[in-house]
Amino acid sequence: MFHRASLLAATAMLWALAAGTGRAGDIEIRKHTLTVGDVDVPLEIAVPSGPGPFPPVLFIHAKRGYDDNERRHITELARQGFLVVAPEWQSGRMIERWPSGHDPDTERDVEAGLDYLMKLPEACRQPVGIVALSRGPYYALRLADRRGADIAAIVSYYGHMQDPNAPEPDQLFRVAPEVMRIVTPMLFLIGEQDFELRRINGGRAFYALWERGVPVEYQVYPLARRAFDFRADQTPEEKIAARHARQRAESWLRRWLRIDADGRCR
């Protein structure tokens, strides 16, 4: 009887996902597609339980693509009370996982996700937070430069602070020019054993923002490697670092999205 009930529940979930919606416990996960020019951009939306409106967060995935790891992340953000929209900036344009170059057209797809998020009826009418991973924070920089009034805060997980298409000297010795212009508060989260170039560029970006008076914090996790928050071979230390990072990200977003003690928009 138990196995039959489990099978029925799983079947119901598959039908729900096919119809464009599903649940991860108390969190509703919706699927949607945006048309950007001649490209269909898939989105996932994680909706908290309870009555809205909810503080809005744009989630920008890494160049490894969007899969269950990202879905778990947006579900956790929704459990913290955030309404999350996650555009899949690769699959709509048939970009393979791990692209070395950067396709500027994908920036329009991510920005379309921002516009969609801000218009959702469940979203508070306010600037949004961004949570971005690896290549994702470069998109966040570009958005904050163009749409600064719409972005309240950025959380960068081991973020790329330079245009991936920039020449080698820029990769080694400079940060993206947007770093020198944005005023959006930014939290950096990175492992001390991440790739050296990523740590160097992140450090330079931190100092550049701080020197200009931009609210910025830089959290380094001892013994943690790249993608410490979801790697399949997580060490005990990386598991703790992941929990700490999620808490720091939540606090940063609550602070700059001006969320009250009850988790509501002010």
Protein backbone atom coordinates (compact mmCIF):
# COMPACT_ATOMS: atom_id res chain seq x y z
CA MET A 1 0.00 0.00 0.00
CA PHE A 2 2.84 2.34 0.84
CA HIS A 3 4.55 1.75 -2.49
CA ARG A 4 1.29 2.34 -4.38
CA ALA A 5 0.71 5.63 -2.54
CA SER A 6 4.27 6.72 -3.26
CA LEU A 7 3.86 5.87 -6.94
CA LEU A 8 0.61 7.84 -7.15
CA ALA A 9 2.25 10.83 -5.48
CA ALA A 10 5.21 10.71 -7.86
CA THR A 11 2.88 10.42 -10.86
CA ALA A 12 0.90 13.42 -9.66
CA MET A 13 4.11 15.43 -9.34
CA LEU A 14 5.17 14.56 -12.88
CA TRP A 15 1.79 15.62 -14.25
CA ALA A 16 2.00 18.86 -12.30
CA LEU A 17 5.46 19.63 -13.64
CA ALA A 18 4.34 18.88 -17.17
CA ALA A 19 1.49 21.34 -16.67
CA GLY A 20 3.92 24.00 -15.52
CA THR A 21 3.70 23.74 -11.75
CA GLY A 22 4.82 21.50 -8.92
CA ARG A 23 5.64 21.53 -5.24
CA ALA A 24 8.78 21.09 -3.19
CA GLY A 25 7.20 20.50 0.19
CA ASP A 26 5.53 23.77 1.11
CA ILE A 27 7.06 25.67 -1.85
CA GLU A 28 5.34 26.00 -5.21
CA ILE A 29 7.65 25.62 -8.21
CA ARG A 30 6.26 26.99 -11.46
CA LYS A 31 7.63 26.70 -14.97
CA HIS A 32 7.22 29.44 -17.53
CA THR A 33 8.69 30.46 -20.87
CA LEU A 34 9.52 34.00 -21.98
CA THR A 35 9.95 34.96 -25.61
CA VAL A 36 12.97 37.23 -26.09
CA GLY A 37 13.30 38.11 -29.75
CA ASP A 38 13.17 34.75 -31.50
CA VAL A 39 14.33 32.77 -28.45
CA ASP A 40 12.20 30.98 -25.86
CA VAL A 41 13.77 31.36 -22.43
CA PRO A 42 12.64 28.85 -19.77
CA LEU A 43 12.10 30.13 -16.23
CA GLU A 44 11.46 28.54 -12.90
CA ILE A 45 9.62 30.46 -10.21
CA ALA A 46 9.77 29.46 -6.54
CA VAL A 47 6.82 30.85 -4.57
CA PRO A 48 6.83 30.88 -0.75
CA SER A 49 3.91 29.51 1.21
CA GLY A 50 1.43 31.86 2.82
CA PRO A 51 0.00 35.18 1.66
CA GLY A 52 2.11 37.57 -0.37
CA PRO A 53 3.44 39.88 -1.49
CA PHE A 54 6.97 38.55 -1.12
CA PRO A 55 10.38 40.22 -1.49
CA PRO A 56 11.67 39.48 -5.02
CA VAL A 57 14.96 37.74 -5.86
CA LEU A 58 16.45 37.05 -9.28
CA PHE A 59 18.57 33.88 -9.35
CA ILE A 60 21.29 33.67 -12.03
CA HIS A 61 22.84 30.25 -12.53
CA ALA A 62 26.45 29.40 -13.41
CA LYS A 63 27.75 28.30 -16.81
CA ARG A 64 27.46 24.66 -15.71
CA GLY A 65 23.75 25.00 -16.44
CA TYR A 66 20.54 24.69 -14.47
CA ASP A 67 19.65 21.42 -12.73
CA ASP A 68 18.44 20.01 -9.42
CA ASN A 69 21.19 21.79 -7.49
CA GLU A 70 19.87 25.17 -8.61
CA ARG A 71 16.29 24.05 -8.02
CA ARG A 72 17.17 23.16 -4.43
CA HIS A 73 18.81 26.56 -4.02
CA ILE A 74 15.80 28.55 -5.22
CA THR A 75 13.55 26.35 -3.07
CA GLU A 76 15.64 27.21 -0.03
CA LEU A 77 15.44 30.91 -0.87
CA ALA A 78 11.67 30.59 -1.13
CA ARG A 79 11.57 28.89 2.27
CA GLN A 80 13.37 31.97 3.59
CA GLY A 81 10.45 34.01 2.28
CA PHE A 82 11.74 35.23 -1.09
CA LEU A 83 9.86 35.05 -4.38
CA VAL A 84 12.49 33.73 -6.80
CA VAL A 85 12.68 33.80 -10.59
CA ALA A 86 15.47 31.79 -12.24
CA PRO A 87 15.90 32.24 -16.01
CA GLU A 88 17.78 29.48 -17.80
CA TRP A 89 20.07 31.61 -19.93
CA GLN A 90 21.74 28.65 -21.68
CA SER A 91 19.09 26.16 -22.71
CA GLY A 92 16.92 28.59 -24.67
CA ARG A 93 19.85 29.41 -26.94
CA MET A 94 21.06 25.80 -27.04
CA ILE A 95 24.34 26.72 -25.36
CA GLU A 96 26.18 23.67 -24.08
CA ARG A 97 27.20 23.42 -20.43
CA TRP A 98 30.51 25.03 -19.48
CA PRO A 99 30.88 27.55 -22.36
CA SER A 100 34.24 29.31 -22.25
CA GLY A 101 33.03 32.42 -24.07
CA HIS A 102 30.23 34.77 -23.13
CA ASP A 103 27.22 35.36 -25.40
CA PRO A 104 26.07 38.97 -24.79
CA ASP A 105 22.61 38.09 -26.13
CA THR A 106 22.04 35.97 -23.03
CA GLU A 107 22.14 39.17 -20.97
CA ARG A 108 18.82 40.14 -22.57
CA ASP A 109 17.37 36.81 -21.47
CA VAL A 110 18.43 37.40 -17.86
CA GLU A 111 17.11 40.97 -17.97
CA ALA A 112 13.79 39.67 -19.29
CA GLY A 113 13.67 37.46 -16.19
CA LEU A 114 14.17 40.56 -14.05
CA ASP A 115 11.30 42.36 -15.79
CA TYR A 116 9.07 39.32 -15.40
CA LEU A 117 9.89 39.06 -11.69
CA MET A 118 9.09 42.71 -11.04
CA LYS A 119 5.67 42.35 -12.68
CA LEU A 120 4.59 39.20 -10.83
CA PRO A 121 1.49 39.90 -8.71
CA GLU A 122 3.09 38.13 -5.72
CA ALA A 123 6.17 40.40 -5.82
CA CYS A 124 6.60 43.41 -3.57
CA ARG A 125 6.86 46.59 -5.61
CA GLN A 126 10.46 47.39 -4.82
CA PRO A 127 14.03 46.86 -6.09
CA VAL A 128 14.99 43.20 -6.23
CA GLY A 129 17.83 41.16 -4.80
CA ILE A 130 20.11 39.04 -6.97
CA VAL A 131 21.66 35.73 -5.99
CA ALA A 132 24.19 34.63 -8.60
CA LEU A 133 26.73 31.83 -8.98
CA SER A 134 30.14 31.85 -10.72
CA ARG A 135 29.46 33.35 -14.19
CA GLY A 136 26.14 34.64 -12.86
CA PRO A 137 27.61 37.59 -10.90
CA TYR A 138 29.00 39.01 -14.14
CA TYR A 139 25.41 39.23 -15.37
CA ALA A 140 24.54 40.86 -12.04
CA LEU A 141 27.26 43.48 -12.56
CA ARG A 142 25.92 44.30 -15.99
CA LEU A 143 22.36 44.56 -14.70
CA ALA A 144 23.36 46.74 -11.75
CA ASP A 145 25.21 49.06 -14.13
CA ARG A 146 22.22 49.44 -16.47
CA ARG A 147 19.36 49.07 -14.01
CA GLY A 148 20.81 50.18 -10.68
CA ALA A 149 17.54 51.65 -9.43
CA ASP A 150 15.89 48.23 -9.81
CA ILE A 151 18.58 46.24 -7.94
CA ALA A 152 18.68 46.42 -4.13
CA ALA A 153 21.55 44.01 -3.44
CA ILE A 154 23.73 41.29 -4.95
CA VAL A 155 24.94 38.04 -3.40
CA SER A 156 27.89 36.68 -5.36
CA TYR A 157 28.88 33.05 -4.91
CA TYR A 158 32.50 32.76 -6.18
CA GLY A 159 31.64 35.33 -8.80
CA HIS A 160 33.39 36.24 -12.03
CA MET A 161 34.27 39.96 -11.85
CA GLN A 162 35.51 40.35 -15.41
CA ASP A 163 34.04 40.00 -18.90
CA PRO A 164 34.78 36.39 -19.90
CA ASN A 165 35.54 37.66 -23.43
CA ALA A 166 38.11 40.21 -22.25
CA PRO A 167 41.74 39.65 -23.29
CA GLU A 168 44.14 37.85 -20.97
CA PRO A 169 45.77 40.99 -19.45
CA ASP A 170 42.33 42.19 -18.35
CA GLN A 171 41.55 38.79 -16.86
CA LEU A 172 44.79 38.86 -14.89
CA PHE A 173 45.11 42.47 -13.82
CA ARG A 174 41.75 44.26 -14.00
CA VAL A 175 38.15 43.96 -12.95
CA ALA A 176 35.21 44.70 -15.22
CA PRO A 177 34.59 48.44 -15.72
CA GLU A 178 31.12 48.03 -14.22
CA VAL A 179 32.76 47.42 -10.84
CA MET A 180 33.97 51.02 -10.94
CA ARG A 181 30.47 52.39 -11.58
CA ILE A 182 27.87 50.38 -9.68
CA VAL A 183 26.58 51.42 -6.25
CA THR A 184 24.65 48.23 -5.46
CA PRO A 185 25.54 46.58 -2.12
CA MET A 186 27.39 43.30 -2.78
CA LEU A 187 28.23 40.28 -0.64
CA PHE A 188 31.04 38.02 -1.85
CA LEU A 189 31.05 34.36 -0.76
CA ILE A 190 34.08 32.30 -1.81
CA GLY A 191 36.20 29.37 -0.66
CA GLU A 192 39.86 29.90 0.18
CA GLN A 193 40.75 27.00 -2.15
CA ASP A 194 38.84 28.37 -5.13
CA PHE A 195 40.80 29.07 -8.32
CA GLU A 196 43.47 31.71 -7.74
CA LEU A 197 42.32 34.02 -10.53
CA ARG A 198 38.77 34.03 -9.22
CA ARG A 199 40.00 34.90 -5.73
CA ILE A 200 42.25 37.65 -7.10
CA ASN A 201 39.51 39.28 -9.18
CA GLY A 202 37.02 39.01 -6.35
CA GLY A 203 39.49 40.64 -3.98
CA ARG A 204 40.18 43.48 -6.40
CA ALA A 205 36.46 44.06 -6.86
CA PHE A 206 35.97 44.15 -3.08
CA TYR A 207 38.62 46.84 -2.62
CA ALA A 208 37.37 48.86 -5.59
CA LEU A 209 33.82 48.90 -4.25
CA TRP A 210 34.88 49.65 -0.68
CA GLU A 211 37.13 52.52 -1.77
CA ARG A 212 34.14 54.16 -3.46
CA GLY A 213 31.93 53.74 -0.39
CA VAL A 214 29.73 50.99 -1.83
CA PRO A 215 28.44 48.66 0.92
CA VAL A 216 30.41 45.44 0.41
CA GLU A 217 31.46 42.41 2.45
CA TYR A 218 33.81 39.56 1.53
CA GLN A 219 33.41 36.18 3.22
CA VAL A 220 36.15 33.59 2.71
CA TYR A 221 35.50 30.00 3.80
CA PRO A 222 38.54 28.08 5.10
CA LEU A 223 39.18 24.69 3.46
CA ALA A 224 36.41 25.28 0.91
CA ARG A 225 36.81 24.69 -2.82
CA ARG A 226 34.95 25.97 -5.90
CA ALA A 227 31.22 25.25 -5.68
CA PHE A 228 31.60 24.35 -2.01
CA ASP A 229 27.88 24.81 -1.44
CA PHE A 230 26.66 21.94 -3.64
CA ARG A 231 29.54 19.73 -4.73
CA ALA A 232 28.85 16.00 -4.69
CA ASP A 233 32.08 15.35 -2.77
CA GLN A 234 31.50 18.00 -0.10
CA THR A 235 33.81 17.75 2.89
CA PRO A 236 32.39 18.21 6.40
CA GLU A 237 33.86 21.73 6.40
CA GLU A 238 32.23 22.57 3.07
CA LYS A 239 28.84 21.42 4.33
CA ILE A 240 29.17 23.82 7.26
CA ALA A 241 30.39 26.57 4.91
CA ALA A 242 27.31 26.04 2.72
CA ARG A 243 24.97 26.44 5.68
CA HIS A 244 26.82 29.55 6.81
CA ALA A 245 26.74 31.02 3.29
CA ARG A 246 22.98 30.51 3.00
CA GLN A 247 22.49 32.31 6.31
CA ARG A 248 24.78 35.18 5.33
CA ALA A 249 23.01 35.54 2.00
CA GLU A 250 19.62 35.63 3.71
CA SER A 251 20.78 38.30 6.16
CA TRP A 252 22.26 40.41 3.37
CA LEU A 253 19.08 40.26 1.32
CA ARG A 254 16.88 41.01 4.33
CA ARG A 255 19.02 44.02 5.18
CA TRP A 256 19.07 45.65 1.76
CA LEU A 257 15.57 44.64 0.64
CA ARG A 258 14.42 46.22 3.92
CA ILE A 259 12.45 43.22 5.13
CA ASP A 260 10.89 43.49 8.57
CA ALA A 261 11.22 41.02 11.43
CA ASP A 262 8.23 39.06 10.15
CA GLY A 263 9.80 38.64 6.71
CA ARG A 264 7.46 41.14 5.07
CA CYS A 265 8.28 44.00 2.70
CA ARG A 266 8.19 47.39 4.39
